[in-house]
Amino acid sequence: MMYAKILTAVDGSSTSNKALDEAIQLARQHKSKLRLVHVVDTAMIDLDNGGLLSMPEVMIALRESGNKLLKKSADHVTQAGIGVETALLETLGVTRVASEIVEDARKWPADLIVLGTHGRRGFTHLLLGSVAEDVVRMATMPVLLIRGK
């Protein structure tokens, strides 16, 4: 199978970095273009914080952080000689991270999604869930999961 367009979600974790490196290797082999996405998850923001933080300031900081991460990741891809584009996505408190990734992959359209997975089990998995697991369930294109440590 040929993967001309590979989408990879990045979050700055070591697992995400492993997935990015795998996506770069696949892109070399298939002469693919990479699309890197980072999702700003507004659902994780505590809206009832006693007025210590301003929501607009938090959003600006999250967007800036996400854009810096995307630039650093894109520079890594460019140094490997691979064509790359980036997108900063937001959940806007309604959608889930996985939904944003899958929808972006569908619209681009990606031939493959490459994601890191932390392999959580038990209570931690129940509490945090798994973005990777949700992406696998929702995606209509192949998904390659790269296991963390």
N, C-alpha and C. Protein backbone atom coordinates (compact mmCIF):
# COMPACT_ATOMS: atom_id res chain seq x y z
N MET A 1 0.84 -1.19 0.00
CA MET A 1 0.00 0.00 0.00
C MET A 1 0.88 1.24 0.00
N MET A 2 0.44 2.25 -0.73
CA MET A 2 1.19 3.51 -0.83
C MET A 2 0.54 4.56 0.05
N TYR A 3 1.35 5.24 0.84
CA TYR A 3 0.86 6.30 1.71
C TYR A 3 1.44 7.63 1.22
N ALA A 4 0.71 8.33 0.38
CA ALA A 4 1.19 9.60 -0.16
C ALA A 4 1.07 10.74 0.85
N LYS A 5 0.08 10.63 1.76
CA LYS A 5 -0.17 11.70 2.73
C LYS A 5 -0.33 11.07 4.12
N ILE A 6 0.59 11.43 5.00
CA ILE A 6 0.61 10.87 6.36
C ILE A 6 0.37 11.98 7.36
N LEU A 7 -0.63 11.79 8.22
CA LEU A 7 -0.93 12.76 9.27
C LEU A 7 -0.40 12.23 10.60
N THR A 8 0.28 13.09 11.35
CA THR A 8 0.81 12.73 12.65
C THR A 8 0.43 13.80 13.66
N ALA A 9 -0.15 13.37 14.78
CA ALA A 9 -0.47 14.29 15.86
C ALA A 9 0.72 14.37 16.80
N VAL A 10 1.09 15.59 17.17
CA VAL A 10 2.23 15.80 18.06
C VAL A 10 1.78 16.51 19.33
N ASP A 11 2.37 16.09 20.47
CA ASP A 11 2.06 16.76 21.73
C ASP A 11 3.31 17.06 22.56
N GLY A 12 4.48 16.76 22.00
CA GLY A 12 5.72 17.06 22.70
C GLY A 12 6.22 15.96 23.62
N SER A 13 5.43 14.91 23.82
CA SER A 13 5.86 13.81 24.70
C SER A 13 6.88 12.93 23.98
N SER A 14 7.61 12.12 24.74
CA SER A 14 8.58 11.22 24.13
C SER A 14 7.89 10.22 23.21
N THR A 15 6.68 9.79 23.58
CA THR A 15 5.92 8.86 22.75
C THR A 15 5.52 9.52 21.43
N SER A 16 5.08 10.75 21.51
CA SER A 16 4.72 11.50 20.31
C SER A 16 5.95 11.69 19.41
N ASN A 17 7.10 11.95 20.01
CA ASN A 17 8.34 12.12 19.25
C ASN A 17 8.73 10.83 18.54
N LYS A 18 8.52 9.67 19.21
CA LYS A 18 8.79 8.38 18.57
C LYS A 18 7.87 8.19 17.36
N ALA A 19 6.61 8.56 17.52
CA ALA A 19 5.66 8.44 16.41
C ALA A 19 6.06 9.35 15.24
N LEU A 20 6.53 10.56 15.56
CA LEU A 20 6.98 11.48 14.52
C LEU A 20 8.17 10.90 13.76
N ASP A 21 9.12 10.32 14.49
CA ASP A 21 10.27 9.70 13.83
C ASP A 21 9.85 8.55 12.92
N GLU A 22 8.88 7.76 13.37
CA GLU A 22 8.36 6.66 12.54
C GLU A 22 7.67 7.21 11.30
N ALA A 23 6.90 8.29 11.46
CA ALA A 23 6.22 8.91 10.32
C ALA A 23 7.24 9.44 9.31
N ILE A 24 8.34 10.00 9.80
CA ILE A 24 9.40 10.49 8.91
C ILE A 24 9.98 9.32 8.11
N GLN A 25 10.24 8.20 8.78
CA GLN A 25 10.78 7.02 8.08
C GLN A 25 9.81 6.53 7.01
N LEU A 26 8.54 6.45 7.35
CA LEU A 26 7.53 6.03 6.37
C LEU A 26 7.44 7.01 5.21
N ALA A 27 7.50 8.30 5.52
CA ALA A 27 7.44 9.33 4.47
C ALA A 27 8.62 9.20 3.52
N ARG A 28 9.79 8.88 4.05
CA ARG A 28 10.96 8.66 3.18
C ARG A 28 10.71 7.47 2.25
N GLN A 29 10.24 6.37 2.83
CA GLN A 29 10.03 5.14 2.05
C GLN A 29 8.96 5.32 0.97
N HIS A 30 7.91 6.05 1.29
CA HIS A 30 6.78 6.20 0.37
C HIS A 30 6.80 7.52 -0.40
N LYS A 31 7.85 8.34 -0.17
CA LYS A 31 7.93 9.67 -0.78
C LYS A 31 6.65 10.46 -0.50
N SER A 32 6.28 10.44 0.77
CA SER A 32 5.03 11.05 1.23
C SER A 32 5.22 12.47 1.70
N LYS A 33 4.10 13.15 1.83
CA LYS A 33 4.05 14.45 2.49
C LYS A 33 3.48 14.22 3.88
N LEU A 34 4.01 14.94 4.87
CA LEU A 34 3.54 14.83 6.24
C LEU A 34 2.71 16.06 6.61
N ARG A 35 1.67 15.81 7.38
CA ARG A 35 0.88 16.89 7.99
C ARG A 35 0.94 16.65 9.49
N LEU A 36 1.43 17.65 10.20
CA LEU A 36 1.52 17.59 11.66
C LEU A 36 0.40 18.40 12.26
N VAL A 37 -0.30 17.80 13.21
CA VAL A 37 -1.37 18.52 13.89
C VAL A 37 -1.11 18.49 15.40
N HIS A 38 -1.52 19.55 16.04
CA HIS A 38 -1.51 19.63 17.50
C HIS A 38 -2.89 20.14 17.90
N VAL A 39 -3.48 19.47 18.89
CA VAL A 39 -4.82 19.84 19.31
C VAL A 39 -4.76 20.55 20.67
N VAL A 40 -5.27 21.78 20.70
CA VAL A 40 -5.45 22.51 21.95
C VAL A 40 -6.76 22.02 22.54
N ASP A 41 -6.65 21.36 23.69
CA ASP A 41 -7.82 20.73 24.31
C ASP A 41 -8.40 21.66 25.37
N THR A 42 -9.41 22.42 24.99
CA THR A 42 -10.01 23.38 25.93
C THR A 42 -10.81 22.67 27.02
N ALA A 43 -11.16 21.41 26.81
CA ALA A 43 -11.90 20.66 27.83
C ALA A 43 -11.06 20.45 29.09
N MET A 44 -9.75 20.54 28.96
CA MET A 44 -8.86 20.32 30.09
C MET A 44 -8.67 21.57 30.95
N ILE A 45 -9.26 22.69 30.53
CA ILE A 45 -9.11 23.95 31.27
C ILE A 45 -10.17 24.02 32.36
N ASP A 46 -9.74 24.34 33.57
CA ASP A 46 -10.66 24.49 34.70
C ASP A 46 -11.33 25.85 34.59
N LEU A 47 -12.59 25.86 34.22
CA LEU A 47 -13.29 27.13 34.04
C LEU A 47 -13.68 27.78 35.35
N ASP A 48 -13.71 27.02 36.43
CA ASP A 48 -14.07 27.55 37.74
C ASP A 48 -12.82 27.64 38.61
N ASN A 49 -11.93 28.55 38.25
CA ASN A 49 -10.64 28.63 38.94
C ASN A 49 -10.56 29.79 39.92
N GLY A 50 -11.67 30.33 40.31
CA GLY A 50 -11.67 31.42 41.29
C GLY A 50 -11.23 32.75 40.73
N GLY A 51 -11.22 32.87 39.41
CA GLY A 51 -10.86 34.15 38.79
C GLY A 51 -9.38 34.43 38.75
N LEU A 52 -8.52 33.42 39.02
CA LEU A 52 -7.08 33.65 39.01
C LEU A 52 -6.52 33.76 37.60
N LEU A 53 -7.18 33.10 36.65
CA LEU A 53 -6.71 33.12 35.28
C LEU A 53 -7.81 33.63 34.37
N SER A 54 -7.41 34.35 33.36
CA SER A 54 -8.36 34.82 32.37
C SER A 54 -8.39 33.82 31.22
N MET A 55 -9.58 33.38 30.84
CA MET A 55 -9.72 32.40 29.77
C MET A 55 -9.04 32.85 28.48
N PRO A 56 -9.20 34.09 28.03
CA PRO A 56 -8.51 34.51 26.81
C PRO A 56 -6.99 34.40 26.94
N GLU A 57 -6.45 34.73 28.10
CA GLU A 57 -4.99 34.62 28.30
C GLU A 57 -4.54 33.17 28.25
N VAL A 58 -5.31 32.27 28.84
CA VAL A 58 -4.98 30.85 28.82
C VAL A 58 -5.01 30.35 27.38
N MET A 59 -6.01 30.71 26.62
CA MET A 59 -6.12 30.27 25.22
C MET A 59 -4.95 30.79 24.39
N ILE A 60 -4.57 32.03 24.61
CA ILE A 60 -3.43 32.60 23.88
C ILE A 60 -2.17 31.80 24.20
N ALA A 61 -1.96 31.50 25.48
CA ALA A 61 -0.77 30.74 25.88
C ALA A 61 -0.78 29.33 25.29
N LEU A 62 -1.94 28.67 25.29
CA LEU A 62 -2.04 27.32 24.72
C LEU A 62 -1.79 27.34 23.22
N ARG A 63 -2.32 28.32 22.54
CA ARG A 63 -2.10 28.44 21.08
C ARG A 63 -0.62 28.70 20.77
N GLU A 64 0.00 29.62 21.54
CA GLU A 64 1.42 29.93 21.33
C GLU A 64 2.28 28.68 21.56
N SER A 65 1.99 27.96 22.62
CA SER A 65 2.72 26.75 22.93
C SER A 65 2.55 25.71 21.82
N GLY A 66 1.32 25.54 21.36
CA GLY A 66 1.05 24.60 20.28
C GLY A 66 1.75 24.97 19.00
N ASN A 67 1.75 26.26 18.66
CA ASN A 67 2.43 26.71 17.44
C ASN A 67 3.95 26.52 17.53
N LYS A 68 4.53 26.75 18.72
CA LYS A 68 5.97 26.52 18.90
C LYS A 68 6.30 25.04 18.72
N LEU A 69 5.47 24.18 19.29
CA LEU A 69 5.67 22.74 19.16
C LEU A 69 5.57 22.32 17.69
N LEU A 70 4.58 22.84 16.98
CA LEU A 70 4.42 22.51 15.57
C LEU A 70 5.62 22.98 14.75
N LYS A 71 6.12 24.17 15.05
CA LYS A 71 7.29 24.68 14.32
C LYS A 71 8.52 23.81 14.57
N LYS A 72 8.75 23.46 15.84
CA LYS A 72 9.89 22.62 16.18
C LYS A 72 9.78 21.25 15.48
N SER A 73 8.59 20.67 15.50
CA SER A 73 8.37 19.37 14.86
C SER A 73 8.53 19.48 13.35
N ALA A 74 8.00 20.55 12.75
CA ALA A 74 8.11 20.74 11.30
C ALA A 74 9.57 20.94 10.89
N ASP A 75 10.34 21.66 11.70
CA ASP A 75 11.77 21.83 11.42
C ASP A 75 12.48 20.48 11.40
N HIS A 76 12.12 19.60 12.33
CA HIS A 76 12.69 18.25 12.39
C HIS A 76 12.37 17.48 11.11
N VAL A 77 11.15 17.59 10.63
CA VAL A 77 10.73 16.91 9.40
C VAL A 77 11.47 17.50 8.19
N THR A 78 11.55 18.83 8.13
CA THR A 78 12.22 19.50 7.02
C THR A 78 13.69 19.11 6.95
N GLN A 79 14.34 19.00 8.12
CA GLN A 79 15.75 18.59 8.15
C GLN A 79 15.93 17.18 7.60
N ALA A 80 14.87 16.38 7.67
CA ALA A 80 14.92 15.01 7.13
C ALA A 80 14.62 15.00 5.63
N GLY A 81 14.34 16.19 5.07
CA GLY A 81 14.10 16.29 3.63
C GLY A 81 12.70 15.89 3.20
N ILE A 82 11.76 15.98 4.12
CA ILE A 82 10.36 15.59 3.85
C ILE A 82 9.50 16.84 3.77
N GLY A 83 8.56 16.86 2.83
CA GLY A 83 7.60 17.97 2.74
C GLY A 83 6.64 17.91 3.92
N VAL A 84 6.36 19.09 4.49
CA VAL A 84 5.53 19.11 5.71
C VAL A 84 4.62 20.32 5.72
N GLU A 85 3.47 20.14 6.32
CA GLU A 85 2.57 21.24 6.63
C GLU A 85 2.05 21.01 8.04
N THR A 86 1.55 22.07 8.66
CA THR A 86 1.09 21.97 10.05
C THR A 86 -0.30 22.57 10.20
N ALA A 87 -0.96 22.14 11.28
CA ALA A 87 -2.27 22.71 11.61
C ALA A 87 -2.45 22.67 13.13
N LEU A 88 -2.88 23.80 13.68
CA LEU A 88 -3.24 23.88 15.09
C LEU A 88 -4.76 23.74 15.16
N LEU A 89 -5.21 22.71 15.86
CA LEU A 89 -6.64 22.42 15.98
C LEU A 89 -7.08 22.72 17.40
N GLU A 90 -8.38 22.95 17.60
CA GLU A 90 -8.92 23.21 18.93
C GLU A 90 -10.20 22.41 19.15
N THR A 91 -10.37 21.90 20.36
CA THR A 91 -11.58 21.16 20.68
C THR A 91 -12.76 22.08 20.94
N LEU A 92 -12.51 23.30 21.33
CA LEU A 92 -13.55 24.29 21.62
C LEU A 92 -14.57 23.79 22.63
N GLY A 93 -14.13 22.91 23.52
CA GLY A 93 -14.98 22.45 24.61
C GLY A 93 -16.12 21.53 24.22
N VAL A 94 -16.33 21.31 22.94
CA VAL A 94 -17.44 20.49 22.48
C VAL A 94 -16.94 19.15 21.95
N THR A 95 -15.97 19.21 21.07
CA THR A 95 -15.44 18.00 20.45
C THR A 95 -14.31 17.43 21.30
N ARG A 96 -13.92 16.21 20.99
CA ARG A 96 -12.81 15.56 21.68
C ARG A 96 -11.57 15.64 20.81
N VAL A 97 -10.42 15.46 21.42
CA VAL A 97 -9.15 15.52 20.71
C VAL A 97 -9.16 14.55 19.53
N ALA A 98 -9.56 13.31 19.77
CA ALA A 98 -9.57 12.29 18.71
C ALA A 98 -10.47 12.71 17.55
N SER A 99 -11.61 13.30 17.85
CA SER A 99 -12.52 13.75 16.80
C SER A 99 -11.86 14.79 15.90
N GLU A 100 -11.13 15.71 16.52
CA GLU A 100 -10.43 16.75 15.75
C GLU A 100 -9.37 16.14 14.85
N ILE A 101 -8.61 15.18 15.37
CA ILE A 101 -7.56 14.53 14.58
C ILE A 101 -8.18 13.79 13.39
N VAL A 102 -9.20 13.00 13.65
CA VAL A 102 -9.84 12.21 12.59
C VAL A 102 -10.48 13.11 11.54
N GLU A 103 -11.16 14.16 11.98
CA GLU A 103 -11.81 15.07 11.03
C GLU A 103 -10.78 15.77 10.15
N ASP A 104 -9.65 16.18 10.74
CA ASP A 104 -8.61 16.83 9.96
C ASP A 104 -8.01 15.84 8.96
N ALA A 105 -7.80 14.60 9.39
CA ALA A 105 -7.26 13.57 8.51
C ALA A 105 -8.22 13.32 7.34
N ARG A 106 -9.50 13.33 7.62
CA ARG A 106 -10.52 13.11 6.58
C ARG A 106 -10.53 14.25 5.57
N LYS A 107 -10.46 15.49 6.07
CA LYS A 107 -10.52 16.66 5.19
C LYS A 107 -9.26 16.82 4.35
N TRP A 108 -8.11 16.43 4.87
CA TRP A 108 -6.84 16.72 4.17
C TRP A 108 -6.77 16.09 2.81
N PRO A 109 -6.95 14.94 2.42
CA PRO A 109 -7.24 13.71 3.13
C PRO A 109 -5.98 12.86 3.31
N ALA A 110 -5.81 12.32 4.51
CA ALA A 110 -4.66 11.48 4.84
C ALA A 110 -4.89 10.04 4.38
N ASP A 111 -3.80 9.39 3.99
CA ASP A 111 -3.84 7.96 3.66
C ASP A 111 -3.53 7.12 4.89
N LEU A 112 -2.89 7.74 5.88
CA LEU A 112 -2.46 7.04 7.09
C LEU A 112 -2.36 8.06 8.22
N ILE A 113 -2.75 7.63 9.43
CA ILE A 113 -2.54 8.42 10.64
C ILE A 113 -1.50 7.68 11.48
N VAL A 114 -0.48 8.39 11.95
CA VAL A 114 0.53 7.81 12.83
C VAL A 114 0.43 8.52 14.18
N LEU A 115 0.25 7.73 15.25
CA LEU A 115 0.08 8.29 16.60
C LEU A 115 0.94 7.54 17.60
N GLY A 116 1.36 8.26 18.61
CA GLY A 116 1.98 7.60 19.76
C GLY A 116 0.90 7.17 20.73
N THR A 117 1.14 6.06 21.42
CA THR A 117 0.21 5.62 22.46
C THR A 117 0.99 5.30 23.72
N HIS A 118 0.45 5.73 24.84
CA HIS A 118 1.14 5.53 26.11
C HIS A 118 0.89 4.16 26.70
N GLY A 119 -0.06 3.43 26.14
CA GLY A 119 -0.32 2.07 26.60
C GLY A 119 -0.80 1.99 28.04
N ARG A 120 -1.57 2.98 28.46
CA ARG A 120 -2.09 2.97 29.84
C ARG A 120 -3.07 1.83 30.02
N ARG A 121 -3.13 1.31 31.24
CA ARG A 121 -4.05 0.23 31.55
C ARG A 121 -4.73 0.54 32.88
N GLY A 122 -5.74 -0.23 33.17
CA GLY A 122 -6.38 -0.16 34.48
C GLY A 122 -7.02 1.18 34.76
N PHE A 123 -6.89 1.62 36.01
CA PHE A 123 -7.56 2.82 36.48
C PHE A 123 -7.10 4.07 35.71
N THR A 124 -5.81 4.17 35.42
CA THR A 124 -5.30 5.33 34.69
C THR A 124 -5.96 5.43 33.32
N HIS A 125 -6.12 4.27 32.65
CA HIS A 125 -6.79 4.26 31.34
C HIS A 125 -8.25 4.66 31.49
N LEU A 126 -8.89 4.14 32.53
CA LEU A 126 -10.29 4.47 32.78
C LEU A 126 -10.46 5.96 33.04
N LEU A 127 -9.54 6.54 33.80
CA LEU A 127 -9.60 7.95 34.17
C LEU A 127 -9.29 8.86 32.98
N LEU A 128 -8.21 8.56 32.27
CA LEU A 128 -7.75 9.45 31.20
C LEU A 128 -8.26 9.07 29.82
N GLY A 129 -8.66 7.81 29.67
CA GLY A 129 -9.08 7.36 28.35
C GLY A 129 -7.88 7.29 27.42
N SER A 130 -8.12 7.10 26.17
CA SER A 130 -7.04 7.00 25.21
C SER A 130 -7.43 7.70 23.92
N VAL A 131 -6.70 8.75 23.60
CA VAL A 131 -6.93 9.44 22.33
C VAL A 131 -6.66 8.47 21.19
N ALA A 132 -5.57 7.71 21.29
CA ALA A 132 -5.21 6.77 20.23
C ALA A 132 -6.31 5.75 20.01
N GLU A 133 -6.85 5.22 21.09
CA GLU A 133 -7.93 4.23 20.99
C GLU A 133 -9.15 4.82 20.30
N ASP A 134 -9.49 6.06 20.65
CA ASP A 134 -10.63 6.73 20.03
C ASP A 134 -10.38 6.98 18.55
N VAL A 135 -9.15 7.36 18.19
CA VAL A 135 -8.82 7.59 16.78
C VAL A 135 -8.99 6.30 16.00
N VAL A 136 -8.49 5.18 16.54
CA VAL A 136 -8.61 3.89 15.86
C VAL A 136 -10.08 3.56 15.62
N ARG A 137 -10.92 3.82 16.61
CA ARG A 137 -12.36 3.53 16.48
C ARG A 137 -13.04 4.40 15.43
N MET A 138 -12.64 5.66 15.31
CA MET A 138 -13.35 6.60 14.45
C MET A 138 -12.78 6.73 13.03
N ALA A 139 -11.51 6.46 12.86
CA ALA A 139 -10.85 6.71 11.57
C ALA A 139 -11.33 5.75 10.49
N THR A 140 -11.42 6.27 9.28
CA THR A 140 -11.78 5.45 8.13
C THR A 140 -10.55 5.04 7.34
N MET A 141 -9.39 5.61 7.68
CA MET A 141 -8.13 5.26 7.02
C MET A 141 -7.28 4.48 8.02
N PRO A 142 -6.22 3.80 7.55
CA PRO A 142 -5.37 3.05 8.47
C PRO A 142 -4.74 3.95 9.54
N VAL A 143 -4.53 3.38 10.73
CA VAL A 143 -3.89 4.08 11.85
C VAL A 143 -2.74 3.21 12.33
N LEU A 144 -1.56 3.80 12.42
CA LEU A 144 -0.39 3.11 12.96
C LEU A 144 -0.11 3.68 14.33
N LEU A 145 -0.14 2.81 15.37
CA LEU A 145 0.15 3.24 16.72
C LEU A 145 1.57 2.86 17.09
N ILE A 146 2.30 3.84 17.64
CA ILE A 146 3.68 3.64 18.08
C ILE A 146 3.67 3.65 19.58
N ARG A 147 4.10 2.56 20.17
CA ARG A 147 4.07 2.38 21.61
C ARG A 147 5.18 3.17 22.29
N GLY A 148 4.84 3.79 23.41
CA GLY A 148 5.84 4.49 24.23
C GLY A 148 6.62 3.48 25.03
N LYS A 149 7.41 3.98 25.97
CA LYS A 149 8.25 3.09 26.80
C LYS A 149 7.39 2.16 27.64
